[in-house]
Amino acid sequence: MHELGVVFEIIKTVENFAEKNRLKKIDTLVLQIGELSSMIPRYIEACYPAAVEGTLLQETELKIEILPGNAICKRCNKVFNLIENNSKCPNCGSKDWEILCGKEFMIKEIIAC
């Protein structure tokens, strides 16, 4: 489960941000995770409480937004969700596509009180 290591890196990043901006308390941390990324949201949620214990983020609410895994068909230019359509264009049936989004993993928002 590599998610735990990633959560530790997020904690470091947020703590550095808080220090630079003189934030004493963070209320909410919002992450965006793409459907096609290697991160599994439920694992992030499961290890988050233990990872933040004793840190500035200890009482922080974690929110995760899932970003769709969309592609564009190279044959007919239809934009579609890869997961919902089994990696096949719903318009022409082609499997020749290019990923547009869905591999992201980022900190979207740090909300201080």
PDB file of N, CA and C in Angstrom:
ATOM      1  N   MET A   1       0.857  -1.181   0.000  1.00  0.00           N
ATOM      2  CA  MET A   1       0.000   0.000   0.000  1.00  0.00           C
ATOM      3  C   MET A   1       0.902   1.243   0.000  1.00  0.00           C
ATOM      4  N   HIS A   2       1.127   1.801  -1.174  1.00  0.00           N
ATOM      5  CA  HIS A   2       1.975   2.979  -1.294  1.00  0.00           C
ATOM      6  C   HIS A   2       1.251   4.262  -0.903  1.00  0.00           C
ATOM      7  N   GLU A   3      -0.037   4.167  -0.678  1.00  0.00           N
ATOM      8  CA  GLU A   3      -0.820   5.344  -0.296  1.00  0.00           C
ATOM      9  C   GLU A   3      -0.318   5.967   1.003  1.00  0.00           C
ATOM     10  N   LEU A   4       0.116   5.160   1.950  1.00  0.00           N
ATOM     11  CA  LEU A   4       0.595   5.681   3.231  1.00  0.00           C
ATOM     12  C   LEU A   4       1.795   6.600   3.019  1.00  0.00           C
ATOM     13  N   GLY A   5       2.741   6.184   2.209  1.00  0.00           N
ATOM     14  CA  GLY A   5       3.909   7.020   1.910  1.00  0.00           C
ATOM     15  C   GLY A   5       3.505   8.319   1.244  1.00  0.00           C
ATOM     16  N   VAL A   6       2.527   8.247   0.370  1.00  0.00           N
ATOM     17  CA  VAL A   6       2.039   9.450  -0.313  1.00  0.00           C
ATOM     18  C   VAL A   6       1.365  10.387   0.692  1.00  0.00           C
ATOM     19  N   VAL A   7       0.596   9.824   1.624  1.00  0.00           N
ATOM     20  CA  VAL A   7      -0.051  10.654   2.650  1.00  0.00           C
ATOM     21  C   VAL A   7       0.997  11.366   3.497  1.00  0.00           C
ATOM     22  N   PHE A   8       2.093  10.683   3.834  1.00  0.00           N
ATOM     23  CA  PHE A   8       3.163  11.335   4.597  1.00  0.00           C
ATOM     24  C   PHE A   8       3.757  12.507   3.817  1.00  0.00           C
ATOM     25  N   GLU A   9       3.900  12.357   2.511  1.00  0.00           N
ATOM     26  CA  GLU A   9       4.413  13.458   1.676  1.00  0.00           C
ATOM     27  C   GLU A   9       3.422  14.615   1.621  1.00  0.00           C
ATOM     28  N   ILE A  10       2.139  14.306   1.574  1.00  0.00           N
ATOM     29  CA  ILE A  10       1.108  15.351   1.587  1.00  0.00           C
ATOM     30  C   ILE A  10       1.184  16.119   2.899  1.00  0.00           C
ATOM     31  N   ILE A  11       1.336  15.397   4.001  1.00  0.00           N
ATOM     32  CA  ILE A  11       1.426  16.046   5.317  1.00  0.00           C
ATOM     33  C   ILE A  11       2.604  17.012   5.331  1.00  0.00           C
ATOM     34  N   LYS A  12       3.763  16.580   4.849  1.00  0.00           N
ATOM     35  CA  LYS A  12       4.940  17.459   4.795  1.00  0.00           C
ATOM     36  C   LYS A  12       4.668  18.698   3.961  1.00  0.00           C
ATOM     37  N   THR A  13       4.059  18.502   2.807  1.00  0.00           N
ATOM     38  CA  THR A  13       3.747  19.620   1.910  1.00  0.00           C
ATOM     39  C   THR A  13       2.808  20.616   2.570  1.00  0.00           C
ATOM     40  N   VAL A  14       1.752  20.110   3.202  1.00  0.00           N
ATOM     41  CA  VAL A  14       0.765  20.991   3.846  1.00  0.00           C
ATOM     42  C   VAL A  14       1.384  21.693   5.056  1.00  0.00           C
ATOM     43  N   GLU A  15       2.186  20.983   5.835  1.00  0.00           N
ATOM     44  CA  GLU A  15       2.832  21.622   6.989  1.00  0.00           C
ATOM     45  C   GLU A  15       3.795  22.721   6.538  1.00  0.00           C
ATOM     46  N   ASN A  16       4.535  22.494   5.463  1.00  0.00           N
ATOM     47  CA  ASN A  16       5.426  23.533   4.927  1.00  0.00           C
ATOM     48  C   ASN A  16       4.629  24.746   4.449  1.00  0.00           C
ATOM     49  N   PHE A  17       3.512  24.474   3.780  1.00  0.00           N
ATOM     50  CA  PHE A  17       2.638  25.558   3.321  1.00  0.00           C
ATOM     51  C   PHE A  17       2.111  26.356   4.514  1.00  0.00           C
ATOM     52  N   ALA A  18       1.665  25.640   5.549  1.00  0.00           N
ATOM     53  CA  ALA A  18       1.122  26.293   6.746  1.00  0.00           C
ATOM     54  C   ALA A  18       2.182  27.149   7.422  1.00  0.00           C
ATOM     55  N   GLU A  19       3.399  26.633   7.521  1.00  0.00           N
ATOM     56  CA  GLU A  19       4.481  27.379   8.158  1.00  0.00           C
ATOM     57  C   GLU A  19       4.803  28.660   7.370  1.00  0.00           C
ATOM     58  N   LYS A  20       4.918  28.536   6.064  1.00  0.00           N
ATOM     59  CA  LYS A  20       5.227  29.697   5.219  1.00  0.00           C
ATOM     60  C   LYS A  20       4.143  30.761   5.276  1.00  0.00           C
ATOM     61  N   ASN A  21       2.903  30.324   5.476  1.00  0.00           N
ATOM     62  CA  ASN A  21       1.767  31.250   5.499  1.00  0.00           C
ATOM     63  C   ASN A  21       1.266  31.545   6.907  1.00  0.00           C
ATOM     64  N   ARG A  22       2.031  31.132   7.905  1.00  0.00           N
ATOM     65  CA  ARG A  22       1.735  31.373   9.323  1.00  0.00           C
ATOM     66  C   ARG A  22       0.335  30.905   9.734  1.00  0.00           C
ATOM     67  N   LEU A  23      -0.034  29.723   9.264  1.00  0.00           N
ATOM     68  CA  LEU A  23      -1.330  29.154   9.622  1.00  0.00           C
ATOM     69  C   LEU A  23      -1.165  28.313  10.881  1.00  0.00           C
ATOM     70  N   LYS A  24      -2.051  28.510  11.823  1.00  0.00           N
ATOM     71  CA  LYS A  24      -1.992  27.780  13.094  1.00  0.00           C
ATOM     72  C   LYS A  24      -2.857  26.526  13.082  1.00  0.00           C
ATOM     73  N   LYS A  25      -3.937  26.572  12.301  1.00  0.00           N
ATOM     74  CA  LYS A  25      -4.865  25.446  12.271  1.00  0.00           C
ATOM     75  C   LYS A  25      -5.437  25.303  10.867  1.00  0.00           C
ATOM     76  N   ILE A  26      -5.525  24.076  10.427  1.00  0.00           N
ATOM     77  CA  ILE A  26      -6.123  23.783   9.127  1.00  0.00           C
ATOM     78  C   ILE A  26      -7.413  23.021   9.387  1.00  0.00           C
ATOM     79  N   ASP A  27      -8.480  23.492   8.777  1.00  0.00           N
ATOM     80  CA  ASP A  27      -9.795  22.899   8.986  1.00  0.00           C
ATOM     81  C   ASP A  27     -10.050  21.742   8.022  1.00  0.00           C
ATOM     82  N   THR A  28      -9.754  21.961   6.730  1.00  0.00           N
ATOM     83  CA  THR A  28     -10.092  20.976   5.706  1.00  0.00           C
ATOM     84  C   THR A  28      -8.972  20.865   4.684  1.00  0.00           C
ATOM     85  N   LEU A  29      -8.720  19.638   4.260  1.00  0.00           N
ATOM     86  CA  LEU A  29      -7.770  19.372   3.187  1.00  0.00           C
ATOM     87  C   LEU A  29      -8.553  18.674   2.077  1.00  0.00           C
ATOM     88  N   VAL A  30      -8.492  19.244   0.872  1.00  0.00           N
ATOM     89  CA  VAL A  30      -9.214  18.673  -0.262  1.00  0.00           C
ATOM     90  C   VAL A  30      -8.202  18.113  -1.264  1.00  0.00           C
ATOM     91  N   LEU A  31      -8.343  16.833  -1.558  1.00  0.00           N
ATOM     92  CA  LEU A  31      -7.496  16.174  -2.555  1.00  0.00           C
ATOM     93  C   LEU A  31      -8.321  15.845  -3.785  1.00  0.00           C
ATOM     94  N   GLN A  32      -7.691  15.888  -4.942  1.00  0.00           N
ATOM     95  CA  GLN A  32      -8.327  15.431  -6.172  1.00  0.00           C
ATOM     96  C   GLN A  32      -7.572  14.192  -6.638  1.00  0.00           C
ATOM     97  N   ILE A  33      -8.326  13.129  -6.886  1.00  0.00           N
ATOM     98  CA  ILE A  33      -7.733  11.876  -7.325  1.00  0.00           C
ATOM     99  C   ILE A  33      -8.446  11.424  -8.597  1.00  0.00           C
ATOM    100  N   GLY A  34      -7.676  11.220  -9.641  1.00  0.00           N
ATOM    101  CA  GLY A  34      -8.240  10.758 -10.907  1.00  0.00           C
ATOM    102  C   GLY A  34      -8.593   9.281 -10.856  1.00  0.00           C
ATOM    103  N   GLU A  35      -9.639   8.923 -11.579  1.00  0.00           N
ATOM    104  CA  GLU A  35     -10.075   7.519 -11.645  1.00  0.00           C
ATOM    105  C   GLU A  35      -8.982   6.601 -12.193  1.00  0.00           C
ATOM    106  N   LEU A  36      -8.075   7.155 -12.978  1.00  0.00           N
ATOM    107  CA  LEU A  36      -7.035   6.350 -13.619  1.00  0.00           C
ATOM    108  C   LEU A  36      -5.687   6.433 -12.901  1.00  0.00           C
ATOM    109  N   SER A  37      -5.655   7.152 -11.774  1.00  0.00           N
ATOM    110  CA  SER A  37      -4.393   7.283 -11.040  1.00  0.00           C
ATOM    111  C   SER A  37      -4.113   5.981 -10.295  1.00  0.00           C
ATOM    112  N   SER A  38      -2.910   5.861  -9.794  1.00  0.00           N
ATOM    113  CA  SER A  38      -2.554   4.653  -9.051  1.00  0.00           C
ATOM    114  C   SER A  38      -2.990   4.722  -7.586  1.00  0.00           C
ATOM    115  N   MET A  39      -3.576   5.845  -7.191  1.00  0.00           N
ATOM    116  CA  MET A  39      -4.033   6.015  -5.809  1.00  0.00           C
ATOM    117  C   MET A  39      -5.463   5.479  -5.649  1.00  0.00           C
ATOM    118  N   ILE A  40      -5.687   4.795  -4.559  1.00  0.00           N
ATOM    119  CA  ILE A  40      -7.020   4.263  -4.276  1.00  0.00           C
ATOM    120  C   ILE A  40      -7.613   5.098  -3.149  1.00  0.00           C
ATOM    121  N   PRO A  41      -8.663   5.885  -3.458  1.00  0.00           N
ATOM    122  CA  PRO A  41      -9.228   6.815  -2.473  1.00  0.00           C
ATOM    123  C   PRO A  41      -9.570   6.187  -1.124  1.00  0.00           C
ATOM    124  N   ARG A  42     -10.146   5.018  -1.106  1.00  0.00           N
ATOM    125  CA  ARG A  42     -10.532   4.417   0.187  1.00  0.00           C
ATOM    126  C   ARG A  42      -9.302   4.068   1.026  1.00  0.00           C
ATOM    127  N   TYR A  43      -8.174   3.764   0.388  1.00  0.00           N
ATOM    128  CA  TYR A  43      -6.942   3.511   1.133  1.00  0.00           C
ATOM    129  C   TYR A  43      -6.376   4.800   1.716  1.00  0.00           C
ATOM    130  N   ILE A  44      -6.476   5.879   0.938  1.00  0.00           N
ATOM    131  CA  ILE A  44      -6.043   7.191   1.431  1.00  0.00           C
ATOM    132  C   ILE A  44      -6.871   7.550   2.668  1.00  0.00           C
ATOM    133  N   GLU A  45      -8.190   7.391   2.561  1.00  0.00           N
ATOM    134  CA  GLU A  45      -9.084   7.697   3.683  1.00  0.00           C
ATOM    135  C   GLU A  45      -8.789   6.812   4.889  1.00  0.00           C
ATOM    136  N   ALA A  46      -8.466   5.551   4.655  1.00  0.00           N
ATOM    137  CA  ALA A  46      -8.228   4.616   5.754  1.00  0.00           C
ATOM    138  C   ALA A  46      -6.941   4.933   6.508  1.00  0.00           C
ATOM    139  N   CYS A  47      -5.886   5.307   5.813  1.00  0.00           N
ATOM    140  CA  CYS A  47      -4.615   5.536   6.507  1.00  0.00           C
ATOM    141  C   CYS A  47      -4.439   6.983   6.974  1.00  0.00           C
ATOM    142  N   TYR A  48      -5.283   7.893   6.508  1.00  0.00           N
ATOM    143  CA  TYR A  48      -5.150   9.308   6.848  1.00  0.00           C
ATOM    144  C   TYR A  48      -5.185   9.589   8.354  1.00  0.00           C
ATOM    145  N   PRO A  49      -6.159   9.079   9.108  1.00  0.00           N
ATOM    146  CA  PRO A  49      -6.209   9.396  10.543  1.00  0.00           C
ATOM    147  C   PRO A  49      -4.937   9.010  11.296  1.00  0.00           C
ATOM    148  N   ALA A  50      -4.391   7.846  11.017  1.00  0.00           N
ATOM    149  CA  ALA A  50      -3.165   7.411  11.709  1.00  0.00           C
ATOM    150  C   ALA A  50      -1.965   8.242  11.258  1.00  0.00           C
ATOM    151  N   ALA A  51      -1.917   8.589   9.988  1.00  0.00           N
ATOM    152  CA  ALA A  51      -0.780   9.340   9.448  1.00  0.00           C
ATOM    153  C   ALA A  51      -0.715  10.764   9.996  1.00  0.00           C
ATOM    154  N   VAL A  52      -1.862  11.380  10.237  1.00  0.00           N
ATOM    155  CA  VAL A  52      -1.877  12.778  10.693  1.00  0.00           C
ATOM    156  C   VAL A  52      -1.836  12.913  12.217  1.00  0.00           C
ATOM    157  N   GLU A  53      -1.932  11.806  12.932  1.00  0.00           N
ATOM    158  CA  GLU A  53      -1.919  11.861  14.392  1.00  0.00           C
ATOM    159  C   GLU A  53      -0.639  12.537  14.885  1.00  0.00           C
ATOM    160  N   GLY A  54      -0.814  13.539  15.743  1.00  0.00           N
ATOM    161  CA  GLY A  54       0.319  14.263  16.305  1.00  0.00           C
ATOM    162  C   GLY A  54       0.885  15.343  15.394  1.00  0.00           C
ATOM    163  N   THR A  55       0.215  15.611  14.278  1.00  0.00           N
ATOM    164  CA  THR A  55       0.676  16.656  13.351  1.00  0.00           C
ATOM    165  C   THR A  55      -0.310  17.819  13.356  1.00  0.00           C
ATOM    166  N   LEU A  56       0.025  18.858  12.636  1.00  0.00           N
ATOM    167  CA  LEU A  56      -0.858  20.022  12.476  1.00  0.00           C
ATOM    168  C   LEU A  56      -2.188  19.628  11.843  1.00  0.00           C
ATOM    169  N   LEU A  57      -2.199  18.535  11.104  1.00  0.00           N
ATOM    170  CA  LEU A  57      -3.409  18.097  10.403  1.00  0.00           C
ATOM    171  C   LEU A  57      -4.272  17.132  11.215  1.00  0.00           C
ATOM    172  N   GLN A  58      -3.916  16.920  12.470  1.00  0.00           N
ATOM    173  CA  GLN A  58      -4.583  15.916  13.294  1.00  0.00           C
ATOM    174  C   GLN A  58      -6.104  16.050  13.312  1.00  0.00           C
ATOM    175  N   GLU A  59      -6.613  17.257  13.398  1.00  0.00           N
ATOM    176  CA  GLU A  59      -8.066  17.441  13.466  1.00  0.00           C
ATOM    177  C   GLU A  59      -8.649  17.934  12.152  1.00  0.00           C
ATOM    178  N   THR A  60      -7.904  17.748  11.096  1.00  0.00           N
ATOM    179  CA  THR A  60      -8.315  18.217   9.778  1.00  0.00           C
ATOM    180  C   THR A  60      -9.302  17.251   9.139  1.00  0.00           C
ATOM    181  N   GLU A  61     -10.322  17.810   8.498  1.00  0.00           N
ATOM    182  CA  GLU A  61     -11.253  16.984   7.729  1.00  0.00           C
ATOM    183  C   GLU A  61     -10.637  16.736   6.350  1.00  0.00           C
ATOM    184  N   LEU A  62     -10.665  15.500   5.901  1.00  0.00           N
ATOM    185  CA  LEU A  62     -10.163  15.143   4.581  1.00  0.00           C
ATOM    186  C   LEU A  62     -11.339  14.983   3.636  1.00  0.00           C
ATOM    187  N   LYS A  63     -11.270  15.688   2.512  1.00  0.00           N
ATOM    188  CA  LYS A  63     -12.281  15.527   1.462  1.00  0.00           C
ATOM    189  C   LYS A  63     -11.550  15.077   0.202  1.00  0.00           C
ATOM    190  N   ILE A  64     -12.149  14.117  -0.476  1.00  0.00           N
ATOM    191  CA  ILE A  64     -11.558  13.611  -1.711  1.00  0.00           C
ATOM    192  C   ILE A  64     -12.559  13.788  -2.846  1.00  0.00           C
ATOM    193  N   GLU A  65     -12.082  14.420  -3.917  1.00  0.00           N
ATOM    194  CA  GLU A  65     -12.888  14.577  -5.126  1.00  0.00           C
ATOM    195  C   GLU A  65     -12.316  13.626  -6.176  1.00  0.00           C
ATOM    196  N   ILE A  66     -13.193  12.840  -6.774  1.00  0.00           N
ATOM    197  CA  ILE A  66     -12.771  11.898  -7.812  1.00  0.00           C
ATOM    198  C   ILE A  66     -12.937  12.576  -9.178  1.00  0.00           C
ATOM    199  N   LEU A  67     -11.852  12.581  -9.946  1.00  0.00           N
ATOM    200  CA  LEU A  67     -11.881  13.174 -11.281  1.00  0.00           C
ATOM    201  C   LEU A  67     -12.076  12.062 -12.314  1.00  0.00           C
ATOM    202  N   PRO A  68     -12.924  12.292 -13.306  1.00  0.00           N
ATOM    203  CA  PRO A  68     -13.219  11.248 -14.287  1.00  0.00           C
ATOM    204  C   PRO A  68     -12.012  10.900 -15.164  1.00  0.00           C
ATOM    205  N   GLY A  69     -11.972   9.648 -15.567  1.00  0.00           N
ATOM    206  CA  GLY A  69     -10.933   9.175 -16.483  1.00  0.00           C
ATOM    207  C   GLY A  69     -11.442   9.269 -17.910  1.00  0.00           C
ATOM    208  N   ASN A  70     -11.271  10.436 -18.508  1.00  0.00           N
ATOM    209  CA  ASN A  70     -11.796  10.680 -19.848  1.00  0.00           C
ATOM    210  C   ASN A  70     -10.724  10.562 -20.923  1.00  0.00           C
ATOM    211  N   ALA A  71     -11.174  10.148 -22.100  1.00  0.00           N
ATOM    212  CA  ALA A  71     -10.289  10.033 -23.255  1.00  0.00           C
ATOM    213  C   ALA A  71     -11.005  10.622 -24.466  1.00  0.00           C
ATOM    214  N   ILE A  72     -10.231  10.866 -25.518  1.00  0.00           N
ATOM    215  CA  ILE A  72     -10.810  11.302 -26.782  1.00  0.00           C
ATOM    216  C   ILE A  72     -10.466  10.250 -27.826  1.00  0.00           C
ATOM    217  N   CYS A  73     -11.458   9.865 -28.583  1.00  0.00           N
ATOM    218  CA  CYS A  73     -11.279   8.864 -29.625  1.00  0.00           C
ATOM    219  C   CYS A  73     -10.506   9.490 -30.787  1.00  0.00           C
ATOM    220  N   LYS A  74      -9.459   8.803 -31.227  1.00  0.00           N
ATOM    221  CA  LYS A  74      -8.649   9.312 -32.335  1.00  0.00           C
ATOM    222  C   LYS A  74      -9.337   9.115 -33.687  1.00  0.00           C
ATOM    223  N   ARG A  75     -10.346   8.273 -33.711  1.00  0.00           N
ATOM    224  CA  ARG A  75     -11.053   8.003 -34.961  1.00  0.00           C
ATOM    225  C   ARG A  75     -12.212   8.987 -35.190  1.00  0.00           C
ATOM    226  N   CYS A  76     -13.041   9.224 -34.123  1.00  0.00           N
ATOM    227  CA  CYS A  76     -14.240  10.063 -34.332  1.00  0.00           C
ATOM    228  C   CYS A  76     -14.275  11.316 -33.452  1.00  0.00           C
ATOM    229  N   ASN A  77     -13.244  11.528 -32.624  1.00  0.00           N
ATOM    230  CA  ASN A  77     -13.127  12.694 -31.739  1.00  0.00           C
ATOM    231  C   ASN A  77     -14.166  12.772 -30.627  1.00  0.00           C
ATOM    232  N   LYS A  78     -14.795  11.679 -30.312  1.00  0.00           N
ATOM    233  CA  LYS A  78     -15.757  11.639 -29.198  1.00  0.00           C
ATOM    234  C   LYS A  78     -14.993  11.588 -27.878  1.00  0.00           C
ATOM    235  N   VAL A  79     -15.398  12.424 -26.919  1.00  0.00           N
ATOM    236  CA  VAL A  79     -14.836  12.388 -25.572  1.00  0.00           C
ATOM    237  C   VAL A  79     -15.719  11.443 -24.748  1.00  0.00           C
ATOM    238  N   PHE A  80     -15.070  10.519 -24.028  1.00  0.00           N
ATOM    239  CA  PHE A  80     -15.845   9.545 -23.272  1.00  0.00           C
ATOM    240  C   PHE A  80     -15.075   9.092 -22.032  1.00  0.00           C
ATOM    241  N   ASN A  81     -15.803   8.508 -21.086  1.00  0.00           N
ATOM    242  CA  ASN A  81     -15.204   7.980 -19.862  1.00  0.00           C
ATOM    243  C   ASN A  81     -14.715   6.562 -20.137  1.00  0.00           C
ATOM    244  N   LEU A  82     -13.418   6.350 -19.919  1.00  0.00           N
ATOM    245  CA  LEU A  82     -12.811   5.054 -20.207  1.00  0.00           C
ATOM    246  C   LEU A  82     -13.393   3.922 -19.363  1.00  0.00           C
ATOM    247  N   ILE A  83     -13.603   4.173 -18.087  1.00  0.00           N
ATOM    248  CA  ILE A  83     -14.086   3.125 -17.186  1.00  0.00           C
ATOM    249  C   ILE A  83     -15.532   2.748 -17.515  1.00  0.00           C
ATOM    250  N   GLU A  84     -16.370   3.747 -17.694  1.00  0.00           N
ATOM    251  CA  GLU A  84     -17.784   3.483 -17.990  1.00  0.00           C
ATOM    252  C   GLU A  84     -17.980   2.779 -19.326  1.00  0.00           C
ATOM    253  N   ASN A  85     -17.024   2.946 -20.231  1.00  0.00           N
ATOM    254  CA  ASN A  85     -17.165   2.389 -21.581  1.00  0.00           C
ATOM    255  C   ASN A  85     -16.159   1.283 -21.888  1.00  0.00           C
ATOM    256  N   ASN A  86     -15.598   0.683 -20.838  1.00  0.00           N
ATOM    257  CA  ASN A  86     -14.668  -0.442 -21.003  1.00  0.00           C
ATOM    258  C   ASN A  86     -13.544  -0.149 -21.999  1.00  0.00           C
ATOM    259  N   SER A  87     -12.994   1.055 -21.922  1.00  0.00           N
ATOM    260  CA  SER A  87     -11.863   1.480 -22.747  1.00  0.00           C
ATOM    261  C   SER A  87     -12.149   1.427 -24.253  1.00  0.00           C
ATOM    262  N   LYS A  88     -13.434   1.583 -24.610  1.00  0.00           N
ATOM    263  CA  LYS A  88     -13.829   1.534 -26.017  1.00  0.00           C
ATOM    264  C   LYS A  88     -14.751   2.720 -26.305  1.00  0.00           C
ATOM    265  N   CYS A  89     -14.532   3.376 -27.419  1.00  0.00           N
ATOM    266  CA  CYS A  89     -15.367   4.526 -27.783  1.00  0.00           C
ATOM    267  C   CYS A  89     -16.823   4.083 -27.932  1.00  0.00           C
ATOM    268  N   PRO A  90     -17.746   4.748 -27.210  1.00  0.00           N
ATOM    269  CA  PRO A  90     -19.158   4.364 -27.310  1.00  0.00           C
ATOM    270  C   PRO A  90     -19.786   4.793 -28.638  1.00  0.00           C
ATOM    271  N   ASN A  91     -19.097   5.664 -29.367  1.00  0.00           N
ATOM    272  CA  ASN A  91     -19.629   6.173 -30.629  1.00  0.00           C
ATOM    273  C   ASN A  91     -19.264   5.270 -31.808  1.00  0.00           C
ATOM    274  N   CYS A  92     -17.979   4.874 -31.896  1.00  0.00           N
ATOM    275  CA  CYS A  92     -17.542   4.099 -33.065  1.00  0.00           C
ATOM    276  C   CYS A  92     -16.930   2.747 -32.710  1.00  0.00           C
ATOM    277  N   GLY A  93     -16.750   2.484 -31.420  1.00  0.00           N
ATOM    278  CA  GLY A  93     -16.205   1.195 -30.995  1.00  0.00           C
ATOM    279  C   GLY A  93     -14.690   1.096 -31.034  1.00  0.00           C
ATOM    280  N   SER A  94     -14.018   2.169 -31.382  1.00  0.00           N
ATOM    281  CA  SER A  94     -12.561   2.159 -31.495  1.00  0.00           C
ATOM    282  C   SER A  94     -11.895   2.053 -30.122  1.00  0.00           C
ATOM    283  N   LYS A  95     -10.735   1.416 -30.113  1.00  0.00           N
ATOM    284  CA  LYS A  95      -9.903   1.376 -28.911  1.00  0.00           C
ATOM    285  C   LYS A  95      -8.663   2.238 -29.105  1.00  0.00           C
ATOM    286  N   ASP A  96      -8.700   3.092 -30.106  1.00  0.00           N
ATOM    287  CA  ASP A  96      -7.591   4.009 -30.400  1.00  0.00           C
ATOM    288  C   ASP A  96      -7.974   5.377 -29.847  1.00  0.00           C
ATOM    289  N   TRP A  97      -7.485   5.681 -28.640  1.00  0.00           N
ATOM    290  CA  TRP A  97      -7.857   6.903 -27.951  1.00  0.00           C
ATOM    291  C   TRP A  97      -6.663   7.494 -27.236  1.00  0.00           C
ATOM    292  N   GLU A  98      -6.846   8.715 -26.757  1.00  0.00           N
ATOM    293  CA  GLU A  98      -5.813   9.404 -25.987  1.00  0.00           C
ATOM    294  C   GLU A  98      -6.438   9.883 -24.682  1.00  0.00           C
ATOM    295  N   ILE A  99      -5.744   9.645 -23.576  1.00  0.00           N
ATOM    296  CA  ILE A  99      -6.256  10.075 -22.270  1.00  0.00           C
ATOM    297  C   ILE A  99      -6.217  11.596 -22.171  1.00  0.00           C
ATOM    298  N   LEU A 100      -7.322  12.176 -21.736  1.00  0.00           N
ATOM    299  CA  LEU A 100      -7.414  13.620 -21.514  1.00  0.00           C
ATOM    300  C   LEU A 100      -7.214  13.970 -20.036  1.00  0.00           C
ATOM    301  N   CYS A 101      -7.816  13.179 -19.166  1.00  0.00           N
ATOM    302  CA  CYS A 101      -7.725  13.446 -17.730  1.00  0.00           C
ATOM    303  C   CYS A 101      -8.078  12.180 -16.955  1.00  0.00           C
ATOM    304  N   GLY A 102      -7.720  12.208 -15.681  1.00  0.00           N
ATOM    305  CA  GLY A 102      -8.063  11.089 -14.819  1.00  0.00           C
ATOM    306  C   GLY A 102      -6.863  10.452 -14.143  1.00  0.00           C
ATOM    307  N   LYS A 103      -5.651  10.919 -14.473  1.00  0.00           N
ATOM    308  CA  LYS A 103      -4.452  10.377 -13.832  1.00  0.00           C
ATOM    309  C   LYS A 103      -3.952  11.308 -12.728  1.00  0.00           C
ATOM    310  N   GLU A 104      -4.679  12.375 -12.477  1.00  0.00           N
ATOM    311  CA  GLU A 104      -4.251  13.382 -11.512  1.00  0.00           C
ATOM    312  C   GLU A 104      -4.279  12.867 -10.074  1.00  0.00           C
ATOM    313  N   PHE A 105      -3.391  13.454  -9.300  1.00  0.00           N
ATOM    314  CA  PHE A 105      -3.416  13.294  -7.849  1.00  0.00           C
ATOM    315  C   PHE A 105      -2.817  14.580  -7.310  1.00  0.00           C
ATOM    316  N   MET A 106      -3.653  15.414  -6.695  1.00  0.00           N
ATOM    317  CA  MET A 106      -3.154  16.715  -6.250  1.00  0.00           C
ATOM    318  C   MET A 106      -3.915  17.252  -5.051  1.00  0.00           C
ATOM    319  N   ILE A 107      -3.245  18.170  -4.385  1.00  0.00           N
ATOM    320  CA  ILE A 107      -3.882  18.917  -3.306  1.00  0.00           C
ATOM    321  C   ILE A 107      -4.641  20.048  -3.982  1.00  0.00           C
ATOM    322  N   LYS A 108      -5.949  20.046  -3.832  1.00  0.00           N
ATOM    323  CA  LYS A 108      -6.771  21.099  -4.467  1.00  0.00           C
ATOM    324  C   LYS A 108      -6.881  22.310  -3.559  1.00  0.00           C
ATOM    325  N   GLU A 109      -7.116  22.053  -2.265  1.00  0.00           N
ATOM    326  CA  GLU A 109      -7.409  23.156  -1.347  1.00  0.00           C
ATOM    327  C   GLU A 109      -6.914  22.842   0.049  1.00  0.00           C
ATOM    328  N   ILE A 110      -6.412  23.889   0.700  1.00  0.00           N
ATOM    329  CA  ILE A 110      -6.068  23.820   2.113  1.00  0.00           C
ATOM    330  C   ILE A 110      -6.885  24.933   2.761  1.00  0.00           C
ATOM    331  N   ILE A 111      -7.852  24.561   3.566  1.00  0.00           N
ATOM    332  CA  ILE A 111      -8.754  25.536   4.168  1.00  0.00           C
ATOM    333  C   ILE A 111      -8.382  25.728   5.627  1.00  0.00           C
ATOM    334  N   ALA A 112      -7.955  26.941   5.940  1.00  0.00           N
ATOM    335  CA  ALA A 112      -7.559  27.268   7.321  1.00  0.00           C
ATOM    336  C   ALA A 112      -8.729  27.951   8.032  1.00  0.00           C
ATOM    337  N   CYS A 113      -8.712  27.833   9.365  1.00  0.00           N
ATOM    338  CA  CYS A 113      -9.755  28.524  10.135  1.00  0.00           C
ATOM    339  C   CYS A 113      -9.215  29.786  10.738  1.00  0.00           C
TER     340      CYS A 113
END
